[in-house]
Amino acid sequence: MPITKTLYLIRHAKSSWEDSSQSDFQRKLNTRGLKDSPLMAKLIKEKNVIPDLIISSPAVRALSTAEIFADEFRYNKDKIVRDERIYEAATSGLITVIREIKDENNTVIFFGHNPGLLNLANLLGNKFLQDFPTCAVVGIELKVNS
């Protein structure tokens, strides 16, 4: 019998391009990203979202965003799953990560990057998105067989 799971896709907050010596992977959040992240986290929490699991790309900007959300949810930051397959992943790679989520996790927050998140949201969601801005959130209900 199918059960409903909720997946929240969140693109990392705005990051900085100031330090040209940093790799893309190492880019940090900029002032706007540091301001937007807690605001968005608070908005999501006000919708009574309680994550069973947080998964993030290990890229600095994505993981920093995930940690800010974890603080708002009082979710232990050490329990954030850092999955390097999310960084620069195609949609099929993201689907693989999602399929590996254990059955007991009913509400999952997933932090990543474009274009992968945009393509994933359009594949799984019921509304076409043309863009997936930084710190944007898309909630998707999935019917799954456990």
Protein backbone atom coordinates (compact mmCIF):
# COMPACT_ATOMS: atom_id res chain seq x y z
CA MET A 1 0.00 0.00 0.00
CA PRO A 2 1.51 3.38 -1.00
CA ILE A 3 2.38 5.87 1.69
CA THR A 4 3.00 9.60 1.32
CA LYS A 5 6.47 11.03 1.85
CA THR A 6 7.34 14.71 1.63
CA LEU A 7 10.52 15.89 -0.04
CA TYR A 8 11.64 19.50 0.25
CA LEU A 9 14.15 20.56 -2.38
CA ILE A 10 16.15 23.62 -1.36
CA ARG A 11 18.73 25.33 -3.49
CA HIS A 12 21.69 26.69 -1.55
CA ALA A 13 21.51 30.35 -0.55
CA LYS A 14 23.31 33.10 -2.47
CA SER A 15 27.06 32.57 -2.56
CA SER A 16 30.06 34.77 -3.12
CA TRP A 17 32.22 35.00 -6.23
CA GLU A 18 34.61 37.52 -4.58
CA ASP A 19 37.56 35.19 -4.02
CA SER A 20 38.63 33.99 -7.46
CA SER A 21 41.23 31.70 -5.89
CA GLN A 22 38.47 29.55 -4.37
CA SER A 23 37.14 26.56 -6.25
CA ASP A 24 33.42 26.42 -7.02
CA PHE A 25 33.11 23.73 -4.33
CA GLN A 26 34.60 26.04 -1.67
CA ARG A 27 32.45 29.12 -2.35
CA LYS A 28 30.89 30.51 0.83
CA LEU A 29 27.56 32.20 1.37
CA ASN A 30 27.58 35.95 0.85
CA THR A 31 25.81 38.53 3.03
CA ARG A 32 22.50 38.02 1.23
CA GLY A 33 22.77 34.24 1.57
CA LEU A 34 23.48 34.54 5.29
CA LYS A 35 20.42 36.77 5.65
CA ASP A 36 18.02 34.76 3.45
CA SER A 37 18.77 31.30 4.90
CA PRO A 38 17.44 31.84 8.42
CA LEU A 39 14.40 33.71 7.07
CA MET A 40 13.47 30.86 4.73
CA ALA A 41 14.15 28.29 7.44
CA LYS A 42 11.80 30.13 9.79
CA LEU A 43 9.09 30.29 7.10
CA ILE A 44 9.34 26.54 6.51
CA LYS A 45 9.29 25.81 10.24
CA GLU A 46 6.16 27.95 10.62
CA LYS A 47 4.46 25.51 8.20
CA ASN A 48 5.01 22.81 10.87
CA VAL A 49 7.67 21.03 8.84
CA ILE A 50 9.74 18.71 11.01
CA PRO A 51 12.51 16.96 9.08
CA ASP A 52 13.26 13.34 9.78
CA LEU A 53 16.34 13.64 7.59
CA ILE A 54 18.44 16.41 6.07
CA ILE A 55 20.64 15.56 3.10
CA SER A 56 23.08 18.04 1.55
CA SER A 57 25.69 18.44 -1.08
CA PRO A 58 29.01 18.81 0.76
CA ALA A 59 29.84 21.98 -1.22
CA VAL A 60 30.42 24.77 1.30
CA ARG A 61 27.50 26.95 0.16
CA ALA A 62 24.99 24.07 0.24
CA LEU A 63 26.18 22.62 3.53
CA SER A 64 26.22 26.07 5.15
CA THR A 65 22.62 26.60 4.05
CA ALA A 66 21.67 23.16 5.41
CA GLU A 67 23.33 23.93 8.74
CA ILE A 68 21.44 27.22 9.08
CA PHE A 69 18.16 25.38 8.45
CA ALA A 70 19.20 22.66 10.90
CA ASP A 71 19.74 25.31 13.59
CA GLU A 72 16.21 26.64 13.05
CA PHE A 73 14.74 23.12 13.24
CA ARG A 74 16.95 22.15 16.20
CA TYR A 75 18.20 19.30 14.06
CA ASN A 76 21.61 17.97 15.06
CA LYS A 77 24.05 19.29 12.42
CA ASP A 78 26.21 16.20 12.85
CA LYS A 79 23.30 14.13 11.50
CA ILE A 80 23.14 16.01 8.19
CA VAL A 81 23.94 13.46 5.50
CA ARG A 82 26.64 14.87 3.26
CA ASP A 83 26.42 13.16 -0.12
CA GLU A 84 29.04 14.14 -2.68
CA ARG A 85 26.90 12.67 -5.47
CA ILE A 86 24.60 15.71 -5.16
CA TYR A 87 27.30 18.17 -6.23
CA GLU A 88 27.13 18.61 -10.02
CA ALA A 89 24.63 15.73 -10.25
CA ALA A 90 22.32 15.11 -13.16
CA THR A 91 18.70 14.31 -12.38
CA SER A 92 19.33 10.57 -12.54
CA GLY A 93 22.03 10.87 -9.87
CA LEU A 94 19.70 12.82 -7.59
CA ILE A 95 16.98 10.19 -8.07
CA THR A 96 19.50 7.53 -7.01
CA VAL A 97 20.23 9.42 -3.78
CA ILE A 98 16.49 9.81 -3.09
CA ARG A 99 15.79 6.12 -3.70
CA GLU A 100 18.33 5.23 -1.01
CA ILE A 101 16.44 7.15 1.69
CA LYS A 102 15.30 4.74 4.39
CA ASP A 103 11.58 4.07 4.82
CA GLU A 104 11.38 5.57 8.31
CA ASN A 105 12.16 9.04 6.94
CA ASN A 106 8.82 10.60 6.00
CA THR A 107 9.90 14.24 5.73
CA VAL A 108 13.23 14.88 4.02
CA ILE A 109 14.94 18.18 3.26
CA PHE A 110 17.39 17.98 0.37
CA PHE A 111 19.96 20.76 -0.28
CA GLY A 112 21.63 21.03 -3.66
CA HIS A 113 22.37 22.97 -6.81
CA ASN A 114 21.01 23.97 -10.19
CA PRO A 115 20.40 22.75 -12.80
CA GLY A 116 19.92 19.41 -11.03
CA LEU A 117 17.33 20.64 -8.52
CA LEU A 118 15.34 22.50 -11.15
CA ASN A 119 15.22 19.44 -13.38
CA LEU A 120 14.33 17.20 -10.43
CA ALA A 121 11.52 19.53 -9.30
CA ASN A 122 10.10 19.54 -12.82
CA LEU A 123 10.32 15.76 -13.04
CA LEU A 124 8.69 15.02 -9.67
CA GLY A 125 6.44 18.04 -9.19
CA ASN A 126 3.07 18.84 -10.68
CA LYS A 127 3.90 22.41 -11.71
CA PHE A 128 6.52 23.43 -14.28
CA LEU A 129 9.22 25.75 -12.94
CA GLN A 130 11.31 27.90 -15.25
CA ASP A 131 13.77 28.87 -12.54
CA PHE A 132 14.92 27.69 -9.13
CA PRO A 133 16.45 30.76 -7.44
CA THR A 134 18.92 30.62 -4.58
CA CYS A 135 17.35 29.62 -1.25
CA ALA A 136 14.12 28.65 -3.02
CA VAL A 137 12.09 25.78 -1.57
CA VAL A 138 9.90 23.30 -3.42
CA GLY A 139 7.83 20.79 -1.47
CA ILE A 140 6.80 17.60 -3.25
CA GLU A 141 4.53 14.86 -1.93
CA LEU A 142 5.51 11.43 -3.21
CA LYS A 143 3.45 8.25 -3.06
CA VAL A 144 5.85 5.39 -2.45
CA ASN A 145 5.60 1.69 -1.80
CA SER A 146 7.62 0.80 1.26
